[in-house]
Amino acid sequence: PVHYGGQVVDVPGITALARKYQLKVIEDAAHCCPAHYRENPSEPWKSVGTAADISCYSFYANKTITTGEGGMACTQEDALADRMRIMSLHGISRDAWKRFTADGSWYYEIVAPGFKYNLTDVASSIGLHQLRRADDLHRRRTALAEEYHRRLGTLEEVILPKAHPDRVHSWHLYVIRLKLDRLRIDRAEVIQQLKQRGIGTSVHWMPLHMHPYYRETYGYRPEELPQAAGLYPQIISLPLFPDMNEGQLDFVVQSLTEVLRAGRK
């Protein structure tokens, strides 16, 4: 499953389904660090990724915490952890890093056709510092999201992202949905008018089956995945970052409101 934008999926439901059919669960938690969930209000909070066989995180520059580039994979299974360590460093045997210690040896063996996926020492050091700030950064993102909620809640042309009571959203993205049936303009025009005012927005993302490779290689048509294809023209990601100040958020809200009101049917 993918925790899109920072919204935690139904982890207990997916875990139960996986157990029933003896499936492995690999969580894409690229947008969810930190994020939490619980099965019901009487249960303790759990961190995203702790119930999966493998959970994957991204530390790209615009993520909730960053190392500039790179990511992390977590597992509680020793065999999977050993395999990932080997595959992340050219397929070199697990003791390869000992070559760089006083007690290490020059000798190593390549035991699998691996890759070069390890973080640099510098990136890892940045990541450790970012981890110490993760909760503070999350609180700031949450405060900004709540302010967006408050300020945009009466705007009839949009559907705002929802927070589930038993899930803690990480607010990597603040994605609104346009009610296109109430507008004379489409998403492209909304984005263009905001851009003219100096506001950068984005779309996360075009559904995979609509990209040329998947269309041409596998013959996918947009209507084959109607939910993804239907939502895609509606979504816009508004600016959201920890250093965003009140004036910047005010300007985004005011500009979006003016654009949508001018574009009403």
C-alpha atoms as a PDB file:
ATOM      1  CA  PRO A   1       0.000   0.000   0.000  1.00  0.00           C
ATOM      2  CA  VAL A   2       0.956   3.653  -0.501  1.00  0.00           C
ATOM      3  CA  HIS A   3       0.364   6.213   2.259  1.00  0.00           C
ATOM      4  CA  TYR A   4      -0.476   8.947  -0.236  1.00  0.00           C
ATOM      5  CA  GLY A   5       0.424  12.493   0.723  1.00  0.00           C
ATOM      6  CA  GLY A   6       0.898  11.458   4.340  1.00  0.00           C
ATOM      7  CA  GLN A   7      -2.580   9.985   4.842  1.00  0.00           C
ATOM      8  CA  VAL A   8      -2.223   6.593   6.535  1.00  0.00           C
ATOM      9  CA  VAL A   9      -4.028   3.727   4.804  1.00  0.00           C
ATOM     10  CA  ASP A  10      -6.164   1.137   6.611  1.00  0.00           C
ATOM     11  CA  VAL A  11      -3.166  -0.779   7.953  1.00  0.00           C
ATOM     12  CA  PRO A  12      -5.158  -3.202  10.169  1.00  0.00           C
ATOM     13  CA  GLY A  13      -7.439  -4.062   7.249  1.00  0.00           C
ATOM     14  CA  ILE A  14      -4.550  -4.640   4.852  1.00  0.00           C
ATOM     15  CA  THR A  15      -2.657  -6.686   7.439  1.00  0.00           C
ATOM     16  CA  ALA A  16      -5.693  -8.900   8.033  1.00  0.00           C
ATOM     17  CA  LEU A  17      -6.144  -9.420   4.295  1.00  0.00           C
ATOM     18  CA  ALA A  18      -2.465 -10.301   3.879  1.00  0.00           C
ATOM     19  CA  ARG A  19      -2.605 -12.852   6.683  1.00  0.00           C
ATOM     20  CA  LYS A  20      -5.743 -14.432   5.257  1.00  0.00           C
ATOM     21  CA  TYR A  21      -4.114 -15.018   1.871  1.00  0.00           C
ATOM     22  CA  GLN A  22      -0.516 -15.436   3.113  1.00  0.00           C
ATOM     23  CA  LEU A  23       0.733 -12.333   1.334  1.00  0.00           C
ATOM     24  CA  LYS A  24       3.758 -10.173   2.065  1.00  0.00           C
ATOM     25  CA  VAL A  25       3.115  -6.505   2.871  1.00  0.00           C
ATOM     26  CA  ILE A  26       5.522  -3.850   1.578  1.00  0.00           C
ATOM     27  CA  GLU A  27       4.508  -0.357   2.684  1.00  0.00           C
ATOM     28  CA  ASP A  28       5.431   2.670   0.602  1.00  0.00           C
ATOM     29  CA  ALA A  29       5.864   5.139   3.455  1.00  0.00           C
ATOM     30  CA  ALA A  30       7.755   7.731   1.399  1.00  0.00           C
ATOM     31  CA  HIS A  31       5.274  10.399   2.540  1.00  0.00           C
ATOM     32  CA  CYS A  32       4.823   9.189   6.111  1.00  0.00           C
ATOM     33  CA  CYS A  33       7.661   9.999   8.451  1.00  0.00           C
ATOM     34  CA  PRO A  34       6.387  10.416  11.075  1.00  0.00           C
ATOM     35  CA  ALA A  35       2.820   9.086  10.955  1.00  0.00           C
ATOM     36  CA  HIS A  36       0.828   6.807  13.237  1.00  0.00           C
ATOM     37  CA  TYR A  37      -2.350   4.768  13.453  1.00  0.00           C
ATOM     38  CA  ARG A  38      -4.367   2.741  15.928  1.00  0.00           C
ATOM     39  CA  GLU A  39      -7.031   0.081  15.490  1.00  0.00           C
ATOM     40  CA  ASN A  40      -9.498   1.885  17.769  1.00  0.00           C
ATOM     41  CA  PRO A  41      -9.448   4.649  20.427  1.00  0.00           C
ATOM     42  CA  SER A  42      -8.649   2.171  23.209  1.00  0.00           C
ATOM     43  CA  GLU A  43      -5.515   0.889  21.448  1.00  0.00           C
ATOM     44  CA  PRO A  44      -2.045   2.511  21.605  1.00  0.00           C
ATOM     45  CA  TRP A  45      -0.686   4.407  18.637  1.00  0.00           C
ATOM     46  CA  LYS A  46       1.640   2.504  16.295  1.00  0.00           C
ATOM     47  CA  SER A  47       4.177   3.928  13.870  1.00  0.00           C
ATOM     48  CA  VAL A  48       3.597   3.461  10.168  1.00  0.00           C
ATOM     49  CA  GLY A  49       5.702   0.606   8.826  1.00  0.00           C
ATOM     50  CA  THR A  50       5.886  -1.481  11.989  1.00  0.00           C
ATOM     51  CA  ALA A  51       3.260  -3.985  10.813  1.00  0.00           C
ATOM     52  CA  ALA A  52       4.742  -4.537   7.343  1.00  0.00           C
ATOM     53  CA  ASP A  53       7.242  -7.122   6.182  1.00  0.00           C
ATOM     54  CA  ILE A  54       9.175  -4.229   4.639  1.00  0.00           C
ATOM     55  CA  SER A  55       8.520  -0.491   4.859  1.00  0.00           C
ATOM     56  CA  CYS A  56      10.204   1.999   2.527  1.00  0.00           C
ATOM     57  CA  TYR A  57      10.864   5.680   3.208  1.00  0.00           C
ATOM     58  CA  SER A  58      12.072   8.545   1.035  1.00  0.00           C
ATOM     59  CA  PHE A  59      14.384  11.310   2.218  1.00  0.00           C
ATOM     60  CA  TYR A  60      14.332  13.421  -0.940  1.00  0.00           C
ATOM     61  CA  ALA A  61      14.718  17.179  -0.532  1.00  0.00           C
ATOM     62  CA  ASN A  62      10.996  17.972  -0.304  1.00  0.00           C
ATOM     63  CA  LYS A  63      10.027  15.134   2.030  1.00  0.00           C
ATOM     64  CA  THR A  64       9.012  15.516   5.678  1.00  0.00           C
ATOM     65  CA  ILE A  65      12.602  14.804   6.694  1.00  0.00           C
ATOM     66  CA  THR A  66      15.464  14.881   4.221  1.00  0.00           C
ATOM     67  CA  THR A  67      18.985  13.703   3.529  1.00  0.00           C
ATOM     68  CA  GLY A  68      19.006  15.573   0.213  1.00  0.00           C
ATOM     69  CA  GLU A  69      18.503  12.310  -1.644  1.00  0.00           C
ATOM     70  CA  GLY A  70      18.085   8.662  -0.721  1.00  0.00           C
ATOM     71  CA  GLY A  71      15.822   6.665   1.531  1.00  0.00           C
ATOM     72  CA  MET A  72      15.521   3.793   3.970  1.00  0.00           C
ATOM     73  CA  ALA A  73      14.026   0.307   4.059  1.00  0.00           C
ATOM     74  CA  CYS A  74      13.032  -1.272   7.378  1.00  0.00           C
ATOM     75  CA  THR A  75      12.180  -4.836   8.316  1.00  0.00           C
ATOM     76  CA  GLN A  76      11.980  -7.018  11.403  1.00  0.00           C
ATOM     77  CA  GLU A  77      13.106 -10.130   9.514  1.00  0.00           C
ATOM     78  CA  ASP A  78      16.846 -10.811   9.772  1.00  0.00           C
ATOM     79  CA  ALA A  79      16.983 -12.627   6.437  1.00  0.00           C
ATOM     80  CA  LEU A  80      15.377  -9.715   4.595  1.00  0.00           C
ATOM     81  CA  ALA A  81      17.650  -7.208   6.350  1.00  0.00           C
ATOM     82  CA  ASP A  82      20.754  -9.182   5.359  1.00  0.00           C
ATOM     83  CA  ARG A  83      19.537  -9.436   1.783  1.00  0.00           C
ATOM     84  CA  MET A  84      18.863  -5.695   1.535  1.00  0.00           C
ATOM     85  CA  ARG A  85      22.291  -4.841   2.950  1.00  0.00           C
ATOM     86  CA  ILE A  86      23.972  -7.070   0.387  1.00  0.00           C
ATOM     87  CA  MET A  87      21.905  -5.830  -2.554  1.00  0.00           C
ATOM     88  CA  SER A  88      22.407  -2.173  -1.595  1.00  0.00           C
ATOM     89  CA  LEU A  89      26.202  -2.387  -1.920  1.00  0.00           C
ATOM     90  CA  HIS A  90      27.103  -4.140  -5.164  1.00  0.00           C
ATOM     91  CA  GLY A  91      26.124  -7.559  -3.828  1.00  0.00           C
ATOM     92  CA  ILE A  92      29.207  -7.580  -1.613  1.00  0.00           C
ATOM     93  CA  SER A  93      29.215  -9.944   1.353  1.00  0.00           C
ATOM     94  CA  ARG A  94      27.790  -8.588   4.593  1.00  0.00           C
ATOM     95  CA  ASP A  95      31.196  -7.918   6.192  1.00  0.00           C
ATOM     96  CA  ALA A  96      32.253  -5.544   3.409  1.00  0.00           C
ATOM     97  CA  TRP A  97      32.125  -2.430   5.593  1.00  0.00           C
ATOM     98  CA  LYS A  98      34.714  -3.937   7.944  1.00  0.00           C
ATOM     99  CA  ARG A  99      37.302  -3.220   5.233  1.00  0.00           C
ATOM    100  CA  PHE A 100      37.306   0.380   6.437  1.00  0.00           C
ATOM    101  CA  THR A 101      37.977  -0.404  10.106  1.00  0.00           C
ATOM    102  CA  ALA A 102      41.264  -1.037  11.897  1.00  0.00           C
ATOM    103  CA  ASP A 103      40.462  -4.745  12.212  1.00  0.00           C
ATOM    104  CA  GLY A 104      39.168  -5.159   8.660  1.00  0.00           C
ATOM    105  CA  SER A 105      40.603  -7.075   5.735  1.00  0.00           C
ATOM    106  CA  TRP A 106      40.968  -6.118   2.084  1.00  0.00           C
ATOM    107  CA  TYR A 107      39.224  -9.322   1.057  1.00  0.00           C
ATOM    108  CA  TYR A 108      35.550  -9.429   0.080  1.00  0.00           C
ATOM    109  CA  GLU A 109      33.269 -11.464  -2.153  1.00  0.00           C
ATOM    110  CA  ILE A 110      30.394 -10.535  -4.440  1.00  0.00           C
ATOM    111  CA  VAL A 111      27.613 -12.966  -3.626  1.00  0.00           C
ATOM    112  CA  ALA A 112      24.749 -11.418  -5.638  1.00  0.00           C
ATOM    113  CA  PRO A 113      24.234  -9.020  -8.595  1.00  0.00           C
ATOM    114  CA  GLY A 114      23.669  -5.972  -6.395  1.00  0.00           C
ATOM    115  CA  PHE A 115      23.329  -2.226  -6.851  1.00  0.00           C
ATOM    116  CA  LYS A 116      24.782   1.007  -5.423  1.00  0.00           C
ATOM    117  CA  TYR A 117      21.911   2.071  -3.188  1.00  0.00           C
ATOM    118  CA  ASN A 118      23.623   2.914   0.099  1.00  0.00           C
ATOM    119  CA  LEU A 119      23.399   6.395   1.617  1.00  0.00           C
ATOM    120  CA  THR A 120      26.609   8.387   1.855  1.00  0.00           C
ATOM    121  CA  ASP A 121      28.023   9.106   5.308  1.00  0.00           C
ATOM    122  CA  VAL A 122      27.239  12.808   4.872  1.00  0.00           C
ATOM    123  CA  ALA A 123      23.616  12.106   3.909  1.00  0.00           C
ATOM    124  CA  SER A 124      23.256   9.717   6.835  1.00  0.00           C
ATOM    125  CA  SER A 125      24.583  12.349   9.244  1.00  0.00           C
ATOM    126  CA  ILE A 126      22.041  14.861   7.934  1.00  0.00           C
ATOM    127  CA  GLY A 127      19.331  12.237   8.343  1.00  0.00           C
ATOM    128  CA  LEU A 128      20.190  11.593  11.993  1.00  0.00           C
ATOM    129  CA  HIS A 129      19.922  15.317  12.690  1.00  0.00           C
ATOM    130  CA  GLN A 130      16.624  15.495  10.793  1.00  0.00           C
ATOM    131  CA  LEU A 131      15.223  12.588  12.805  1.00  0.00           C
ATOM    132  CA  ARG A 132      15.749  14.576  15.990  1.00  0.00           C
ATOM    133  CA  ARG A 133      13.671  17.383  14.447  1.00  0.00           C
ATOM    134  CA  ALA A 134      10.992  15.120  12.942  1.00  0.00           C
ATOM    135  CA  ASP A 135       8.327  15.721  15.588  1.00  0.00           C
ATOM    136  CA  ASP A 136       8.840  19.497  15.554  1.00  0.00           C
ATOM    137  CA  LEU A 137       8.653  19.587  11.750  1.00  0.00           C
ATOM    138  CA  HIS A 138       5.516  17.467  11.863  1.00  0.00           C
ATOM    139  CA  ARG A 139       3.845  19.771  14.360  1.00  0.00           C
ATOM    140  CA  ARG A 140       4.542  22.729  12.082  1.00  0.00           C
ATOM    141  CA  ARG A 141       3.126  20.950   9.022  1.00  0.00           C
ATOM    142  CA  THR A 142       0.045  19.968  11.009  1.00  0.00           C
ATOM    143  CA  ALA A 143      -0.516  23.554  12.135  1.00  0.00           C
ATOM    144  CA  LEU A 144      -0.303  24.782   8.535  1.00  0.00           C
ATOM    145  CA  ALA A 145      -2.706  22.084   7.344  1.00  0.00           C
ATOM    146  CA  GLU A 146      -5.182  23.005  10.073  1.00  0.00           C
ATOM    147  CA  GLU A 147      -4.984  26.643   9.024  1.00  0.00           C
ATOM    148  CA  TYR A 148      -5.675  25.656   5.414  1.00  0.00           C
ATOM    149  CA  HIS A 149      -8.675  23.674   6.684  1.00  0.00           C
ATOM    150  CA  ARG A 150      -9.978  26.666   8.594  1.00  0.00           C
ATOM    151  CA  ARG A 151      -9.455  29.177   5.805  1.00  0.00           C
ATOM    152  CA  LEU A 152     -10.643  27.037   2.880  1.00  0.00           C
ATOM    153  CA  GLY A 153     -13.464  25.219   4.635  1.00  0.00           C
ATOM    154  CA  THR A 154     -16.173  27.522   3.277  1.00  0.00           C
ATOM    155  CA  LEU A 155     -14.914  27.500  -0.318  1.00  0.00           C
ATOM    156  CA  GLU A 156     -17.612  25.658  -2.249  1.00  0.00           C
ATOM    157  CA  GLU A 157     -15.452  24.745  -5.238  1.00  0.00           C
ATOM    158  CA  VAL A 158     -13.007  22.459  -3.416  1.00  0.00           C
ATOM    159  CA  ILE A 159     -12.936  19.243  -1.422  1.00  0.00           C
ATOM    160  CA  LEU A 160     -10.302  19.345   1.323  1.00  0.00           C
ATOM    161  CA  PRO A 161      -8.179  16.411   2.520  1.00  0.00           C
ATOM    162  CA  LYS A 162      -9.616  14.628   5.527  1.00  0.00           C
ATOM    163  CA  ALA A 163      -7.843  13.418   8.651  1.00  0.00           C
ATOM    164  CA  HIS A 164      -9.039  10.089  10.062  1.00  0.00           C
ATOM    165  CA  PRO A 165      -9.530  10.098  13.876  1.00  0.00           C
ATOM    166  CA  ASP A 166      -7.477   6.907  14.319  1.00  0.00           C
ATOM    167  CA  ARG A 167      -4.654   7.963  11.991  1.00  0.00           C
ATOM    168  CA  VAL A 168      -2.052  10.710  12.371  1.00  0.00           C
ATOM    169  CA  HIS A 169      -1.477  12.386   8.990  1.00  0.00           C
ATOM    170  CA  SER A 170       2.119  13.429   8.261  1.00  0.00           C
ATOM    171  CA  TRP A 171       0.997  16.267   5.941  1.00  0.00           C
ATOM    172  CA  HIS A 172       3.731  15.800   3.393  1.00  0.00           C
ATOM    173  CA  LEU A 173       1.240  17.133   0.847  1.00  0.00           C
ATOM    174  CA  TYR A 174      -1.889  19.258   1.084  1.00  0.00           C
ATOM    175  CA  VAL A 175      -3.955  18.036  -1.857  1.00  0.00           C
ATOM    176  CA  ILE A 176      -7.277  19.654  -2.690  1.00  0.00           C
ATOM    177  CA  ARG A 177      -9.852  18.404  -5.182  1.00  0.00           C
ATOM    178  CA  LEU A 178     -11.594  20.830  -7.515  1.00  0.00           C
ATOM    179  CA  LYS A 179     -15.346  20.479  -7.984  1.00  0.00           C
ATOM    180  CA  LEU A 180     -15.085  20.884 -11.730  1.00  0.00           C
ATOM    181  CA  ASP A 181     -18.856  20.716 -12.189  1.00  0.00           C
ATOM    182  CA  ARG A 182     -19.052  24.078 -10.400  1.00  0.00           C
ATOM    183  CA  LEU A 183     -16.321  25.773 -12.445  1.00  0.00           C
ATOM    184  CA  ARG A 184     -15.991  27.236 -15.935  1.00  0.00           C
ATOM    185  CA  ILE A 185     -12.226  26.668 -15.804  1.00  0.00           C
ATOM    186  CA  ASP A 186     -10.234  23.459 -15.529  1.00  0.00           C
ATOM    187  CA  ARG A 187      -7.292  22.544 -13.320  1.00  0.00           C
ATOM    188  CA  ALA A 188      -4.705  23.720 -15.854  1.00  0.00           C
ATOM    189  CA  GLU A 189      -6.237  27.203 -15.844  1.00  0.00           C
ATOM    190  CA  VAL A 190      -6.328  27.304 -12.033  1.00  0.00           C
ATOM    191  CA  ILE A 191      -2.657  26.313 -11.865  1.00  0.00           C
ATOM    192  CA  GLN A 192      -1.722  28.880 -14.527  1.00  0.00           C
ATOM    193  CA  GLN A 193      -3.529  31.720 -12.770  1.00  0.00           C
ATOM    194  CA  LEU A 194      -1.869  30.854  -9.461  1.00  0.00           C
ATOM    195  CA  LYS A 195       1.500  30.709 -11.229  1.00  0.00           C
ATOM    196  CA  GLN A 196       0.925  34.209 -12.615  1.00  0.00           C
ATOM    197  CA  ARG A 197       0.571  35.374  -9.013  1.00  0.00           C
ATOM    198  CA  GLY A 198       3.879  33.731  -8.069  1.00  0.00           C
ATOM    199  CA  ILE A 199       2.379  30.650  -6.403  1.00  0.00           C
ATOM    200  CA  GLY A 200       3.890  27.303  -7.302  1.00  0.00           C
ATOM    201  CA  THR A 201       1.601  24.291  -7.161  1.00  0.00           C
ATOM    202  CA  SER A 202       1.925  20.733  -8.409  1.00  0.00           C
ATOM    203  CA  VAL A 203      -0.054  17.619  -9.278  1.00  0.00           C
ATOM    204  CA  HIS A 204       0.682  14.372  -7.454  1.00  0.00           C
ATOM    205  CA  TRP A 205       0.428  12.491  -9.756  1.00  0.00           C
ATOM    206  CA  MET A 206      -0.601  11.366 -13.197  1.00  0.00           C
ATOM    207  CA  PRO A 207      -1.808   7.768 -12.727  1.00  0.00           C
ATOM    208  CA  LEU A 208       0.818   5.264 -13.853  1.00  0.00           C
ATOM    209  CA  HIS A 209      -1.463   3.545 -16.343  1.00  0.00           C
ATOM    210  CA  MET A 210      -1.879   6.862 -18.196  1.00  0.00           C
ATOM    211  CA  HIS A 211       1.854   7.348 -18.832  1.00  0.00           C
ATOM    212  CA  PRO A 212       3.107   6.542 -22.362  1.00  0.00           C
ATOM    213  CA  TYR A 213       5.203   3.530 -21.346  1.00  0.00           C
ATOM    214  CA  TYR A 214       2.310   1.710 -19.709  1.00  0.00           C
ATOM    215  CA  ARG A 215      -0.176   2.745 -22.391  1.00  0.00           C
ATOM    216  CA  GLU A 216       2.060   1.634 -25.238  1.00  0.00           C
ATOM    217  CA  THR A 217       3.596  -1.442 -23.606  1.00  0.00           C
ATOM    218  CA  TYR A 218       0.523  -2.899 -21.938  1.00  0.00           C
ATOM    219  CA  GLY A 219      -2.310  -1.223 -23.817  1.00  0.00           C
ATOM    220  CA  TYR A 220      -3.837   0.383 -20.743  1.00  0.00           C
ATOM    221  CA  ARG A 221      -6.709   2.821 -21.251  1.00  0.00           C
ATOM    222  CA  PRO A 222      -7.651   5.518 -18.710  1.00  0.00           C
ATOM    223  CA  GLU A 223     -11.122   4.063 -18.172  1.00  0.00           C
ATOM    224  CA  GLU A 224      -9.674   0.727 -17.027  1.00  0.00           C
ATOM    225  CA  LEU A 225      -8.879   2.347 -13.667  1.00  0.00           C
ATOM    226  CA  PRO A 226     -11.814   4.742 -13.376  1.00  0.00           C
ATOM    227  CA  GLN A 227     -11.181   5.952  -9.812  1.00  0.00           C
ATOM    228  CA  ALA A 228      -7.603   7.058 -10.528  1.00  0.00           C
ATOM    229  CA  ALA A 229      -8.499   8.503 -13.930  1.00  0.00           C
ATOM    230  CA  GLY A 230     -11.501  10.326 -12.482  1.00  0.00           C
ATOM    231  CA  LEU A 231      -9.627  11.909  -9.574  1.00  0.00           C
ATOM    232  CA  TYR A 232      -6.575  12.910 -11.605  1.00  0.00           C
ATOM    233  CA  PRO A 233      -8.082  16.022 -13.333  1.00  0.00           C
ATOM    234  CA  GLN A 234      -9.331  17.341  -9.978  1.00  0.00           C
ATOM    235  CA  ILE A 235      -6.238  17.340  -7.761  1.00  0.00           C
ATOM    236  CA  ILE A 236      -3.823  20.164  -6.952  1.00  0.00           C
ATOM    237  CA  SER A 237      -1.109  20.182  -4.287  1.00  0.00           C
ATOM    238  CA  LEU A 238      -0.918  23.544  -2.538  1.00  0.00           C
ATOM    239  CA  PRO A 239       2.344  24.884  -1.051  1.00  0.00           C
ATOM    240  CA  LEU A 240       3.131  23.315   2.335  1.00  0.00           C
ATOM    241  CA  PHE A 241       6.543  23.400   4.008  1.00  0.00           C
ATOM    242  CA  PRO A 242       7.723  23.954   7.607  1.00  0.00           C
ATOM    243  CA  ASP A 243       9.194  27.414   6.965  1.00  0.00           C
ATOM    244  CA  MET A 244       5.978  28.669   5.381  1.00  0.00           C
ATOM    245  CA  ASN A 245       4.822  31.754   7.262  1.00  0.00           C
ATOM    246  CA  GLU A 246       1.371  33.155   7.943  1.00  0.00           C
ATOM    247  CA  GLY A 247       1.654  35.800   5.253  1.00  0.00           C
ATOM    248  CA  GLN A 248       2.544  33.243   2.598  1.00  0.00           C
ATOM    249  CA  LEU A 249      -0.359  31.004   3.570  1.00  0.00           C
ATOM    250  CA  ASP A 250      -2.713  34.003   3.571  1.00  0.00           C
ATOM    251  CA  PHE A 251      -1.593  34.873   0.048  1.00  0.00           C
ATOM    252  CA  VAL A 252      -2.180  31.318  -1.210  1.00  0.00           C
ATOM    253  CA  VAL A 253      -5.654  31.181   0.342  1.00  0.00           C
ATOM    254  CA  GLN A 254      -6.642  34.629  -0.909  1.00  0.00           C
ATOM    255  CA  SER A 255      -5.345  33.955  -4.420  1.00  0.00           C
ATOM    256  CA  LEU A 256      -6.992  30.542  -4.714  1.00  0.00           C
ATOM    257  CA  THR A 257     -10.278  31.952  -3.445  1.00  0.00           C
ATOM    258  CA  GLU A 258     -10.205  34.788  -5.982  1.00  0.00           C
ATOM    259  CA  VAL A 259      -9.342  32.468  -8.879  1.00  0.00           C
ATOM    260  CA  LEU A 260     -12.085  29.978  -8.063  1.00  0.00           C
ATOM    261  CA  ARG A 261     -14.756  32.581  -7.387  1.00  0.00           C
ATOM    262  CA  ALA A 262     -13.967  34.272 -10.692  1.00  0.00           C
ATOM    263  CA  GLY A 263     -14.205  30.888 -12.405  1.00  0.00           C
ATOM    264  CA  ARG A 264     -17.581  29.888 -10.968  1.00  0.00           C
ATOM    265  CA  LYS A 265     -20.357  28.830 -13.301  1.00  0.00           C
END
